[in-house]
N, C-alpha and C. Protein backbone atom coordinates (compact mmCIF):
# COMPACT_ATOMS: atom_id res chain seq x y z
N MET A 1 66.23 97.74 83.94
CA MET A 1 67.27 96.85 84.40
C MET A 1 67.94 97.46 85.62
N ALA A 2 67.88 96.82 86.74
CA ALA A 2 68.49 97.30 87.97
C ALA A 2 69.97 96.95 87.99
N ILE A 3 70.69 97.66 88.82
CA ILE A 3 72.12 97.39 88.96
C ILE A 3 72.29 96.17 89.83
N ASP A 4 73.02 95.19 89.34
CA ASP A 4 73.31 93.98 90.09
C ASP A 4 74.69 94.16 90.71
N ARG A 5 74.73 94.55 91.96
CA ARG A 5 75.99 94.85 92.63
C ARG A 5 76.83 93.58 92.87
N ASP A 6 76.21 92.39 92.76
CA ASP A 6 76.94 91.14 92.97
C ASP A 6 77.44 90.54 91.66
N ALA A 7 77.11 91.15 90.54
CA ALA A 7 77.53 90.62 89.24
C ALA A 7 79.04 90.75 89.10
N SER A 8 79.59 90.00 88.17
CA SER A 8 81.03 90.06 87.96
C SER A 8 81.41 91.45 87.47
N PRO A 9 82.58 91.94 87.90
CA PRO A 9 83.01 93.28 87.50
C PRO A 9 83.16 93.40 85.99
N GLN A 10 82.85 94.58 85.47
CA GLN A 10 83.03 94.86 84.05
C GLN A 10 84.05 95.96 83.90
N GLU A 11 84.54 96.11 82.69
CA GLU A 11 85.47 97.20 82.41
C GLU A 11 84.77 98.52 82.66
N ILE A 12 85.34 99.36 83.51
CA ILE A 12 84.69 100.64 83.79
C ILE A 12 84.71 101.54 82.56
N THR A 13 85.65 101.31 81.69
CA THR A 13 85.71 102.12 80.47
C THR A 13 84.50 101.88 79.58
N SER A 14 83.77 100.79 79.83
CA SER A 14 82.59 100.52 79.00
C SER A 14 81.49 101.56 79.24
N LEU A 15 81.57 102.33 80.32
CA LEU A 15 80.59 103.39 80.59
C LEU A 15 80.86 104.64 79.75
N VAL A 16 82.12 104.85 79.40
CA VAL A 16 82.49 106.05 78.65
C VAL A 16 81.80 106.05 77.29
N GLY A 17 81.18 107.16 76.96
CA GLY A 17 80.50 107.31 75.69
C GLY A 17 79.01 106.99 75.75
N ARG A 18 78.56 106.42 76.86
CA ARG A 18 77.13 106.11 76.96
C ARG A 18 76.33 107.37 77.28
N GLU A 19 75.16 107.43 76.71
CA GLU A 19 74.26 108.54 76.99
C GLU A 19 73.62 108.32 78.35
N VAL A 20 73.35 109.44 79.04
CA VAL A 20 72.75 109.40 80.36
C VAL A 20 71.38 110.06 80.29
N TYR A 21 70.38 109.36 80.81
CA TYR A 21 69.01 109.85 80.84
C TYR A 21 68.48 109.78 82.26
N SER A 22 67.54 110.67 82.58
CA SER A 22 66.85 110.53 83.86
C SER A 22 65.89 109.36 83.74
N ASN A 23 65.40 108.88 84.86
CA ASN A 23 64.47 107.75 84.78
C ASN A 23 63.12 108.18 84.23
N ASN A 24 62.95 109.48 83.94
CA ASN A 24 61.77 109.99 83.24
C ASN A 24 62.00 110.10 81.74
N GLY A 25 63.20 109.69 81.27
CA GLY A 25 63.49 109.71 79.85
C GLY A 25 64.06 111.00 79.32
N VAL A 26 64.48 111.91 80.20
CA VAL A 26 65.06 113.19 79.77
C VAL A 26 66.57 113.02 79.60
N TYR A 27 67.08 113.41 78.43
CA TYR A 27 68.52 113.33 78.16
C TYR A 27 69.26 114.28 79.10
N VAL A 28 70.31 113.79 79.76
CA VAL A 28 71.10 114.59 80.69
C VAL A 28 72.45 114.94 80.08
N GLY A 29 73.15 113.97 79.51
CA GLY A 29 74.47 114.20 78.94
C GLY A 29 75.08 112.88 78.52
N GLU A 30 76.38 112.91 78.27
CA GLU A 30 77.10 111.71 77.85
C GLU A 30 78.29 111.52 78.77
N VAL A 31 78.56 110.27 79.15
CA VAL A 31 79.68 109.95 80.04
C VAL A 31 80.99 110.20 79.30
N GLU A 32 81.79 111.09 79.86
CA GLU A 32 83.11 111.38 79.29
C GLU A 32 84.22 110.71 80.09
N ASP A 33 84.01 110.60 81.39
CA ASP A 33 85.04 110.04 82.27
C ASP A 33 84.36 109.59 83.56
N LEU A 34 85.14 109.00 84.44
CA LEU A 34 84.63 108.50 85.71
C LEU A 34 85.44 109.05 86.86
N ARG A 35 84.79 109.25 87.99
CA ARG A 35 85.51 109.61 89.22
C ARG A 35 85.62 108.31 90.01
N LEU A 36 86.84 107.98 90.41
CA LEU A 36 87.11 106.72 91.10
C LEU A 36 87.58 106.95 92.52
N ASP A 37 87.24 106.02 93.41
CA ASP A 37 87.82 105.97 94.74
C ASP A 37 88.72 104.74 94.73
N LEU A 38 90.00 104.98 94.62
CA LEU A 38 90.94 103.87 94.47
C LEU A 38 91.03 103.02 95.73
N ASP A 39 90.87 103.64 96.90
CA ASP A 39 90.92 102.87 98.14
C ASP A 39 89.74 101.90 98.24
N ALA A 40 88.55 102.36 97.88
CA ALA A 40 87.36 101.51 97.93
C ALA A 40 87.19 100.68 96.66
N GLU A 41 88.03 100.96 95.66
CA GLU A 41 87.98 100.27 94.37
C GLU A 41 86.59 100.36 93.74
N GLY A 42 86.08 101.59 93.66
CA GLY A 42 84.76 101.77 93.07
C GLY A 42 84.61 103.11 92.39
N VAL A 43 83.54 103.21 91.62
CA VAL A 43 83.20 104.44 90.92
C VAL A 43 82.39 105.32 91.87
N THR A 44 82.75 106.59 91.98
CA THR A 44 82.00 107.50 92.85
C THR A 44 81.24 108.56 92.07
N GLY A 45 81.58 108.75 90.81
CA GLY A 45 80.89 109.75 90.02
C GLY A 45 81.07 109.55 88.54
N LEU A 46 80.14 110.14 87.78
CA LEU A 46 80.22 110.12 86.32
C LEU A 46 80.46 111.55 85.84
N ALA A 47 81.52 111.74 85.06
CA ALA A 47 81.81 113.04 84.46
C ALA A 47 81.07 113.10 83.13
N LEU A 48 80.12 114.04 83.04
CA LEU A 48 79.30 114.15 81.84
C LEU A 48 79.69 115.37 81.02
N HIS A 49 79.57 115.24 79.71
CA HIS A 49 79.73 116.37 78.80
C HIS A 49 78.58 116.30 77.80
N GLN A 50 78.57 117.19 76.84
CA GLN A 50 77.46 117.29 75.88
C GLN A 50 76.14 117.34 76.64
N LEU A 51 76.08 118.28 77.57
CA LEU A 51 74.95 118.38 78.50
C LEU A 51 73.69 118.91 77.84
N ASN A 52 72.56 118.53 78.40
CA ASN A 52 71.27 119.07 78.01
C ASN A 52 71.21 120.49 78.56
N THR A 53 71.26 121.47 77.69
CA THR A 53 71.32 122.87 78.12
C THR A 53 70.03 123.33 78.81
N GLU A 54 68.96 122.60 78.65
CA GLU A 54 67.72 122.96 79.34
C GLU A 54 67.77 122.58 80.82
N LEU A 55 68.66 121.67 81.19
CA LEU A 55 68.77 121.24 82.58
C LEU A 55 69.85 121.98 83.35
N PHE A 56 70.83 122.53 82.66
CA PHE A 56 71.97 123.15 83.33
C PHE A 56 72.04 124.62 82.95
N ASP A 57 72.42 125.47 83.91
CA ASP A 57 72.47 126.90 83.66
C ASP A 57 73.69 127.29 82.83
N ALA A 58 73.76 128.55 82.47
CA ALA A 58 74.82 129.04 81.58
C ALA A 58 76.20 128.84 82.19
N GLU A 59 76.32 128.99 83.51
CA GLU A 59 77.61 128.82 84.17
C GLU A 59 78.12 127.39 83.99
N THR A 60 77.24 126.44 84.14
CA THR A 60 77.62 125.04 83.95
C THR A 60 77.90 124.75 82.49
N ALA A 61 77.10 125.34 81.59
CA ALA A 61 77.28 125.10 80.16
C ALA A 61 78.64 125.58 79.68
N SER A 62 79.18 126.64 80.31
CA SER A 62 80.49 127.15 79.90
C SER A 62 81.63 126.32 80.48
N ALA A 63 81.33 125.48 81.46
CA ALA A 63 82.33 124.58 82.03
C ALA A 63 82.52 123.40 81.09
N ARG A 64 83.47 122.58 81.37
CA ARG A 64 83.73 121.40 80.54
C ARG A 64 82.64 120.36 80.66
N GLY A 65 81.96 120.33 81.79
CA GLY A 65 80.92 119.35 82.04
C GLY A 65 80.54 119.35 83.51
N VAL A 66 79.91 118.29 83.94
CA VAL A 66 79.55 118.15 85.35
C VAL A 66 79.88 116.73 85.80
N ILE A 67 80.01 116.57 87.11
CA ILE A 67 80.16 115.24 87.69
C ILE A 67 78.93 114.99 88.55
N VAL A 68 78.24 113.89 88.25
CA VAL A 68 77.09 113.51 89.07
C VAL A 68 77.50 112.33 89.93
N PRO A 69 77.00 112.28 91.15
CA PRO A 69 77.36 111.17 92.05
C PRO A 69 76.88 109.83 91.49
N TYR A 70 77.69 108.82 91.63
CA TYR A 70 77.33 107.50 91.12
C TYR A 70 76.12 106.93 91.86
N ARG A 71 75.87 107.41 93.08
CA ARG A 71 74.71 106.92 93.83
C ARG A 71 73.40 107.28 93.14
N TRP A 72 73.42 108.22 92.21
CA TRP A 72 72.22 108.59 91.45
C TRP A 72 71.91 107.58 90.36
N VAL A 73 72.86 106.71 90.01
CA VAL A 73 72.65 105.75 88.93
C VAL A 73 71.63 104.70 89.36
N GLN A 74 70.61 104.53 88.52
CA GLN A 74 69.57 103.55 88.78
C GLN A 74 69.79 102.27 87.98
N ALA A 75 70.28 102.40 86.75
CA ALA A 75 70.49 101.24 85.89
C ALA A 75 71.53 101.56 84.83
N VAL A 76 72.23 100.51 84.39
CA VAL A 76 73.23 100.64 83.33
C VAL A 76 72.92 99.58 82.30
N GLY A 77 72.79 100.00 81.06
CA GLY A 77 72.56 99.10 79.94
C GLY A 77 73.14 99.76 78.71
N ASP A 78 72.36 99.83 77.65
CA ASP A 78 72.81 100.56 76.46
C ASP A 78 72.97 102.04 76.78
N VAL A 79 72.19 102.52 77.75
CA VAL A 79 72.30 103.88 78.26
C VAL A 79 72.39 103.79 79.78
N VAL A 80 72.73 104.90 80.40
CA VAL A 80 72.77 104.96 81.87
C VAL A 80 71.54 105.74 82.33
N LEU A 81 70.80 105.16 83.25
CA LEU A 81 69.64 105.85 83.82
C LEU A 81 70.00 106.34 85.21
N ILE A 82 69.73 107.62 85.46
CA ILE A 82 69.92 108.18 86.79
C ILE A 82 68.57 108.62 87.31
N ASN A 83 68.47 108.80 88.62
CA ASN A 83 67.20 109.27 89.15
C ASN A 83 66.93 110.67 88.65
N ASN A 84 65.73 111.15 88.82
CA ASN A 84 65.35 112.43 88.21
C ASN A 84 65.76 113.64 89.04
N ILE A 85 66.77 113.50 89.87
CA ILE A 85 67.23 114.60 90.72
C ILE A 85 67.66 115.81 89.90
N VAL A 86 68.26 115.60 88.73
CA VAL A 86 68.71 116.72 87.91
C VAL A 86 67.52 117.54 87.44
N GLU A 87 66.44 116.86 87.06
CA GLU A 87 65.23 117.57 86.67
C GLU A 87 64.66 118.35 87.85
N ARG A 88 64.65 117.74 89.03
CA ARG A 88 64.14 118.42 90.22
C ARG A 88 65.01 119.59 90.60
N LEU A 89 66.33 119.47 90.42
CA LEU A 89 67.24 120.58 90.71
C LEU A 89 66.92 121.76 89.81
N HIS A 90 66.65 121.46 88.54
CA HIS A 90 66.32 122.50 87.58
C HIS A 90 65.04 123.21 88.00
N GLU A 91 64.05 122.47 88.45
CA GLU A 91 62.78 123.05 88.87
C GLU A 91 62.93 123.85 90.16
N ASP A 92 63.86 123.46 91.04
CA ASP A 92 64.06 124.14 92.32
C ASP A 92 65.13 125.22 92.26
N ASP A 93 65.49 125.67 91.06
CA ASP A 93 66.52 126.70 90.88
C ASP A 93 67.87 126.29 91.44
N GLY A 94 68.17 125.00 91.39
CA GLY A 94 69.51 124.54 91.74
C GLY A 94 69.83 124.55 93.21
N GLU A 95 68.89 124.46 94.11
CA GLU A 95 69.16 124.39 95.53
C GLU A 95 69.71 123.00 95.85
N ILE A 96 71.04 122.84 95.81
CA ILE A 96 71.65 121.54 96.00
C ILE A 96 72.84 121.65 96.92
N GLY A 97 73.32 120.51 97.37
CA GLY A 97 74.54 120.48 98.15
C GLY A 97 75.75 120.62 97.25
N GLU A 98 76.83 121.07 97.84
CA GLU A 98 78.05 121.33 97.08
C GLU A 98 78.60 120.09 96.40
N ASP A 99 78.42 118.90 97.00
CA ASP A 99 78.97 117.67 96.44
C ASP A 99 78.07 116.99 95.43
N ASP A 100 76.87 117.51 95.20
CA ASP A 100 75.93 116.78 94.36
C ASP A 100 76.22 116.91 92.88
N VAL A 101 76.41 118.09 92.35
CA VAL A 101 76.77 118.25 90.95
C VAL A 101 77.95 119.20 90.90
N VAL A 102 79.03 118.77 90.31
CA VAL A 102 80.25 119.56 90.26
C VAL A 102 80.52 119.96 88.83
N ALA A 103 80.69 121.25 88.58
CA ALA A 103 81.00 121.74 87.23
C ALA A 103 82.47 121.63 86.96
């Protein structure tokens, strides 16, 4: 299910508690909160907790969670699907930009 950007707005709180998976089916974490841009009136990131420890290093695991950019979201339904960038980051030893995943 693709994101329909023209669909009627939904309660953003409906994302909280949903599980997040990569588009390859790998569990990433659970949505705990959202990062908002109030000026643009949109979601800019998903704050995840209950992280998949195989994808995130010990430093991240000791943090409260991570924030992934909302631009990574591919689909929203019963679960949230994001692109497989987190898996690729894990394989590349975390060579990422500072704004991509925030602990």
